[in-house]
Amino acid sequence: MYTRLILVNFGPGAHSTGEMVIDTFAPIYKTMRGFKGATFFANPDTGECGALSLWETKQDAETATVSLWPKLQEVAGGMLKGPPMVRTFEIYEPKAQVYEEEEQ
């Protein structure tokens, strides 16, 4: 399993732009091969927003990046304050239960 992190910046005061982009992309993710889920986030003070998405394979995550770039340019290209930051990571599941309640 892999995760893809994307962070974009629309600048201060552009929170509604970030929400519009998230609302546009959320349904598109669901149609993509290998998609397992996503969490979207935004900072209203800075205008930054992004997504942390889960993918079955590294290829699925990387294909999403290539496939979604033209749509991002179409929807928000002129409003971006710099290039998006995109990173792909392999998911690591700890061998021990990290979240177990402490014994009393």
N, C-alpha and C. Protein backbone atom coordinates (compact mmCIF):
# COMPACT_ATOMS: atom_id res chain seq x y z
N MET A 1 0.86 -1.17 0.00
CA MET A 1 0.00 0.00 0.00
C MET A 1 0.91 1.23 0.00
N TYR A 2 0.45 2.27 -0.68
CA TYR A 2 1.22 3.51 -0.81
C TYR A 2 0.33 4.70 -0.49
N THR A 3 0.97 5.78 -0.09
CA THR A 3 0.26 7.03 0.14
C THR A 3 0.86 8.12 -0.73
N ARG A 4 0.02 9.00 -1.19
CA ARG A 4 0.44 10.13 -2.02
C ARG A 4 0.03 11.40 -1.29
N LEU A 5 0.99 12.26 -1.06
CA LEU A 5 0.75 13.53 -0.39
C LEU A 5 0.89 14.65 -1.41
N ILE A 6 -0.13 15.46 -1.53
CA ILE A 6 -0.05 16.63 -2.41
C ILE A 6 -0.43 17.86 -1.59
N LEU A 7 0.36 18.91 -1.76
CA LEU A 7 0.11 20.17 -1.07
C LEU A 7 0.20 21.30 -2.09
N VAL A 8 -0.84 22.13 -2.14
CA VAL A 8 -0.87 23.28 -3.04
C VAL A 8 -1.15 24.53 -2.22
N ASN A 9 -0.78 25.68 -2.77
CA ASN A 9 -0.98 26.94 -2.06
C ASN A 9 -1.67 27.93 -2.99
N PHE A 10 -2.79 28.46 -2.51
CA PHE A 10 -3.53 29.48 -3.25
C PHE A 10 -3.34 30.87 -2.65
N GLY A 11 -2.61 30.95 -1.55
CA GLY A 11 -2.35 32.23 -0.91
C GLY A 11 -3.39 32.58 0.15
N PRO A 12 -3.01 33.49 1.05
CA PRO A 12 -3.92 33.91 2.12
C PRO A 12 -5.24 34.43 1.56
N GLY A 13 -6.33 34.10 2.24
CA GLY A 13 -7.64 34.58 1.82
C GLY A 13 -8.29 33.79 0.71
N ALA A 14 -7.66 32.70 0.28
CA ALA A 14 -8.20 31.93 -0.84
C ALA A 14 -8.75 30.57 -0.38
N HIS A 15 -9.26 30.53 0.84
CA HIS A 15 -9.77 29.27 1.39
C HIS A 15 -10.89 28.70 0.52
N SER A 16 -11.76 29.54 0.00
CA SER A 16 -12.87 29.05 -0.82
C SER A 16 -12.35 28.42 -2.12
N THR A 17 -11.24 28.92 -2.63
CA THR A 17 -10.64 28.32 -3.82
C THR A 17 -10.16 26.91 -3.50
N GLY A 18 -9.51 26.76 -2.36
CA GLY A 18 -9.07 25.44 -1.94
C GLY A 18 -10.23 24.47 -1.79
N GLU A 19 -11.31 24.93 -1.19
CA GLU A 19 -12.49 24.08 -1.03
C GLU A 19 -13.07 23.69 -2.38
N MET A 20 -13.09 24.61 -3.33
CA MET A 20 -13.61 24.32 -4.66
C MET A 20 -12.76 23.24 -5.34
N VAL A 21 -11.44 23.35 -5.20
CA VAL A 21 -10.55 22.36 -5.80
C VAL A 21 -10.76 20.99 -5.14
N ILE A 22 -10.83 20.97 -3.82
CA ILE A 22 -11.07 19.70 -3.11
C ILE A 22 -12.40 19.10 -3.55
N ASP A 23 -13.45 19.90 -3.62
CA ASP A 23 -14.76 19.41 -4.04
C ASP A 23 -14.74 18.87 -5.46
N THR A 24 -13.89 19.44 -6.31
CA THR A 24 -13.75 18.96 -7.69
C THR A 24 -13.03 17.63 -7.74
N PHE A 25 -11.97 17.48 -6.96
CA PHE A 25 -11.12 16.29 -7.06
C PHE A 25 -11.61 15.09 -6.26
N ALA A 26 -12.34 15.30 -5.18
CA ALA A 26 -12.79 14.17 -4.35
C ALA A 26 -13.51 13.09 -5.16
N PRO A 27 -14.48 13.42 -6.01
CA PRO A 27 -15.15 12.36 -6.77
C PRO A 27 -14.25 11.73 -7.85
N ILE A 28 -13.29 12.49 -8.36
CA ILE A 28 -12.39 11.96 -9.39
C ILE A 28 -11.51 10.86 -8.80
N TYR A 29 -11.01 11.08 -7.59
CA TYR A 29 -10.18 10.07 -6.94
C TYR A 29 -10.89 8.71 -6.91
N LYS A 30 -12.18 8.72 -6.59
CA LYS A 30 -12.93 7.47 -6.43
C LYS A 30 -12.99 6.65 -7.70
N THR A 31 -12.78 7.26 -8.86
CA THR A 31 -12.86 6.54 -10.13
C THR A 31 -11.52 5.96 -10.55
N MET A 32 -10.46 6.25 -9.83
CA MET A 32 -9.12 5.89 -10.27
C MET A 32 -8.71 4.50 -9.78
N ARG A 33 -7.99 3.81 -10.62
CA ARG A 33 -7.52 2.46 -10.31
C ARG A 33 -6.64 2.46 -9.06
N GLY A 34 -6.90 1.52 -8.17
CA GLY A 34 -6.09 1.34 -6.98
C GLY A 34 -6.38 2.28 -5.84
N PHE A 35 -7.33 3.19 -6.02
CA PHE A 35 -7.65 4.17 -4.97
C PHE A 35 -8.31 3.48 -3.78
N LYS A 36 -7.82 3.78 -2.57
CA LYS A 36 -8.34 3.16 -1.35
C LYS A 36 -9.01 4.17 -0.42
N GLY A 37 -8.70 5.44 -0.53
CA GLY A 37 -9.29 6.45 0.33
C GLY A 37 -8.44 7.70 0.36
N ALA A 38 -9.02 8.79 0.89
CA ALA A 38 -8.28 10.05 0.96
C ALA A 38 -8.80 10.91 2.10
N THR A 39 -7.91 11.71 2.61
CA THR A 39 -8.25 12.75 3.57
C THR A 39 -7.80 14.07 2.96
N PHE A 40 -8.69 15.04 2.94
CA PHE A 40 -8.37 16.35 2.40
C PHE A 40 -8.23 17.33 3.55
N PHE A 41 -7.38 18.32 3.39
CA PHE A 41 -7.13 19.27 4.47
C PHE A 41 -6.87 20.66 3.90
N ALA A 42 -7.06 21.68 4.74
CA ALA A 42 -6.84 23.06 4.30
C ALA A 42 -6.50 23.93 5.50
N ASN A 43 -5.73 24.98 5.23
CA ASN A 43 -5.41 25.99 6.24
C ASN A 43 -5.97 27.32 5.75
N PRO A 44 -7.04 27.80 6.36
CA PRO A 44 -7.67 29.04 5.88
C PRO A 44 -6.78 30.26 6.02
N ASP A 45 -5.82 30.25 6.93
CA ASP A 45 -4.94 31.40 7.12
C ASP A 45 -3.90 31.54 6.02
N THR A 46 -3.37 30.40 5.55
CA THR A 46 -2.28 30.44 4.56
C THR A 46 -2.75 30.19 3.14
N GLY A 47 -3.95 29.61 2.98
CA GLY A 47 -4.43 29.25 1.64
C GLY A 47 -3.87 27.94 1.14
N GLU A 48 -3.18 27.20 2.01
CA GLU A 48 -2.65 25.89 1.63
C GLU A 48 -3.76 24.85 1.77
N CYS A 49 -3.75 23.89 0.87
CA CYS A 49 -4.65 22.75 1.00
C CYS A 49 -4.01 21.56 0.32
N GLY A 50 -4.55 20.40 0.59
CA GLY A 50 -3.96 19.22 0.01
C GLY A 50 -4.76 17.97 0.28
N ALA A 51 -4.12 16.86 -0.08
CA ALA A 51 -4.75 15.55 0.09
C ALA A 51 -3.69 14.52 0.47
N LEU A 52 -4.10 13.60 1.31
CA LEU A 52 -3.31 12.43 1.63
C LEU A 52 -4.16 11.25 1.17
N SER A 53 -3.72 10.60 0.09
CA SER A 53 -4.52 9.53 -0.49
C SER A 53 -3.80 8.20 -0.37
N LEU A 54 -4.58 7.12 -0.31
CA LEU A 54 -4.04 5.76 -0.21
C LEU A 54 -4.28 5.02 -1.51
N TRP A 55 -3.26 4.25 -1.92
CA TRP A 55 -3.29 3.55 -3.20
C TRP A 55 -2.79 2.12 -3.02
N GLU A 56 -3.34 1.22 -3.81
CA GLU A 56 -2.96 -0.19 -3.74
C GLU A 56 -1.49 -0.39 -4.10
N THR A 57 -1.00 0.27 -5.16
CA THR A 57 0.38 0.09 -5.60
C THR A 57 1.05 1.46 -5.81
N LYS A 58 2.37 1.43 -5.86
CA LYS A 58 3.13 2.65 -6.14
C LYS A 58 2.77 3.17 -7.53
N GLN A 59 2.62 2.25 -8.48
CA GLN A 59 2.26 2.65 -9.84
C GLN A 59 0.91 3.37 -9.86
N ASP A 60 -0.06 2.87 -9.08
CA ASP A 60 -1.37 3.54 -9.01
C ASP A 60 -1.22 4.97 -8.49
N ALA A 61 -0.42 5.15 -7.45
CA ALA A 61 -0.21 6.48 -6.87
C ALA A 61 0.47 7.41 -7.86
N GLU A 62 1.49 6.90 -8.55
CA GLU A 62 2.21 7.74 -9.51
C GLU A 62 1.37 8.05 -10.74
N THR A 63 0.56 7.09 -11.17
CA THR A 63 -0.34 7.33 -12.30
C THR A 63 -1.35 8.41 -11.95
N ALA A 64 -1.82 8.41 -10.71
CA ALA A 64 -2.76 9.45 -10.28
C ALA A 64 -2.14 10.83 -10.43
N THR A 65 -0.88 10.96 -10.05
CA THR A 65 -0.19 12.25 -10.15
C THR A 65 -0.17 12.74 -11.60
N VAL A 66 0.22 11.85 -12.50
CA VAL A 66 0.31 12.22 -13.92
C VAL A 66 -1.08 12.50 -14.50
N SER A 67 -2.05 11.67 -14.14
CA SER A 67 -3.41 11.81 -14.68
C SER A 67 -4.12 13.06 -14.18
N LEU A 68 -3.88 13.42 -12.92
CA LEU A 68 -4.61 14.55 -12.33
C LEU A 68 -3.98 15.91 -12.62
N TRP A 69 -2.73 15.94 -13.04
CA TRP A 69 -2.05 17.21 -13.28
C TRP A 69 -2.80 18.10 -14.28
N PRO A 70 -3.21 17.58 -15.45
CA PRO A 70 -3.93 18.45 -16.39
C PRO A 70 -5.23 19.02 -15.80
N LYS A 71 -5.93 18.22 -15.01
CA LYS A 71 -7.18 18.70 -14.40
C LYS A 71 -6.89 19.79 -13.38
N LEU A 72 -5.80 19.63 -12.60
CA LEU A 72 -5.42 20.67 -11.64
C LEU A 72 -5.08 21.97 -12.38
N GLN A 73 -4.36 21.87 -13.48
CA GLN A 73 -4.02 23.05 -14.28
C GLN A 73 -5.28 23.72 -14.82
N GLU A 74 -6.23 22.90 -15.27
CA GLU A 74 -7.48 23.43 -15.83
C GLU A 74 -8.31 24.14 -14.75
N VAL A 75 -8.44 23.52 -13.59
CA VAL A 75 -9.30 24.04 -12.54
C VAL A 75 -8.66 25.19 -11.78
N ALA A 76 -7.35 25.11 -11.53
CA ALA A 76 -6.74 26.06 -10.60
C ALA A 76 -5.38 26.59 -11.02
N GLY A 77 -4.94 26.27 -12.21
CA GLY A 77 -3.59 26.65 -12.62
C GLY A 77 -3.24 28.10 -12.42
N GLY A 78 -4.11 29.01 -12.80
CA GLY A 78 -3.83 30.43 -12.68
C GLY A 78 -3.87 30.96 -11.26
N MET A 79 -4.40 30.17 -10.34
CA MET A 79 -4.54 30.62 -8.96
C MET A 79 -3.45 30.08 -8.04
N LEU A 80 -2.66 29.11 -8.52
CA LEU A 80 -1.62 28.50 -7.69
C LEU A 80 -0.48 29.48 -7.42
N LYS A 81 -0.02 29.49 -6.19
CA LYS A 81 1.13 30.31 -5.79
C LYS A 81 2.36 29.40 -5.74
N GLY A 82 2.79 28.96 -6.89
CA GLY A 82 3.94 28.05 -6.97
C GLY A 82 3.50 26.65 -7.34
N PRO A 83 4.48 25.79 -7.63
CA PRO A 83 4.15 24.42 -8.04
C PRO A 83 3.66 23.58 -6.86
N PRO A 84 2.82 22.60 -7.12
CA PRO A 84 2.38 21.71 -6.05
C PRO A 84 3.55 20.87 -5.53
N MET A 85 3.49 20.49 -4.28
CA MET A 85 4.45 19.56 -3.70
C MET A 85 3.76 18.20 -3.70
N VAL A 86 4.37 17.22 -4.36
CA VAL A 86 3.80 15.88 -4.44
C VAL A 86 4.86 14.88 -4.01
N ARG A 87 4.49 13.98 -3.10
CA ARG A 87 5.40 12.94 -2.62
C ARG A 87 4.62 11.63 -2.52
N THR A 88 5.30 10.53 -2.80
CA THR A 88 4.73 9.20 -2.67
C THR A 88 5.55 8.42 -1.66
N PHE A 89 4.85 7.73 -0.75
CA PHE A 89 5.51 6.96 0.31
C PHE A 89 4.90 5.57 0.39
N GLU A 90 5.72 4.60 0.76
CA GLU A 90 5.21 3.27 1.05
C GLU A 90 4.66 3.27 2.48
N ILE A 91 3.53 2.63 2.67
CA ILE A 91 2.92 2.54 4.00
C ILE A 91 3.70 1.50 4.81
N TYR A 92 3.99 1.83 6.03
CA TYR A 92 4.65 0.90 6.95
C TYR A 92 3.71 0.61 8.11
N GLU A 93 3.42 -0.64 8.33
CA GLU A 93 2.59 -1.06 9.45
C GLU A 93 3.52 -1.56 10.55
N PRO A 94 3.51 -0.95 11.73
CA PRO A 94 4.38 -1.38 12.82
C PRO A 94 4.13 -2.84 13.19
N LYS A 95 5.21 -3.52 13.56
CA LYS A 95 5.11 -4.93 13.95
C LYS A 95 4.40 -5.09 15.28
N ALA A 96 4.51 -4.11 16.16
CA ALA A 96 3.85 -4.16 17.47
C ALA A 96 2.66 -3.21 17.46
N GLN A 97 1.71 -3.48 18.30
CA GLN A 97 0.57 -2.58 18.43
C GLN A 97 1.01 -1.31 19.14
N VAL A 98 1.01 -0.23 18.44
CA VAL A 98 1.45 1.05 19.00
C VAL A 98 0.36 1.69 19.85
N TYR A 99 -0.88 1.42 19.53
CA TYR A 99 -1.98 2.14 20.15
C TYR A 99 -2.70 1.35 21.25
N GLU A 100 -2.08 0.29 21.75
CA GLU A 100 -2.72 -0.48 22.82
C GLU A 100 -2.82 0.37 24.07
N GLU A 101 -3.90 0.17 24.80
CA GLU A 101 -4.05 0.88 26.07
C GLU A 101 -3.01 0.35 27.06
N GLU A 102 -2.52 1.24 27.88
CA GLU A 102 -1.55 0.83 28.89
C GLU A 102 -2.22 -0.10 29.89
N GLU A 103 -1.44 -1.11 30.33
CA GLU A 103 -1.96 -2.02 31.35
C GLU A 103 -2.07 -1.28 32.66
N GLN A 104 -3.09 -1.60 33.42
CA GLN A 104 -3.31 -0.90 34.69
C GLN A 104 -2.76 -1.67 35.83
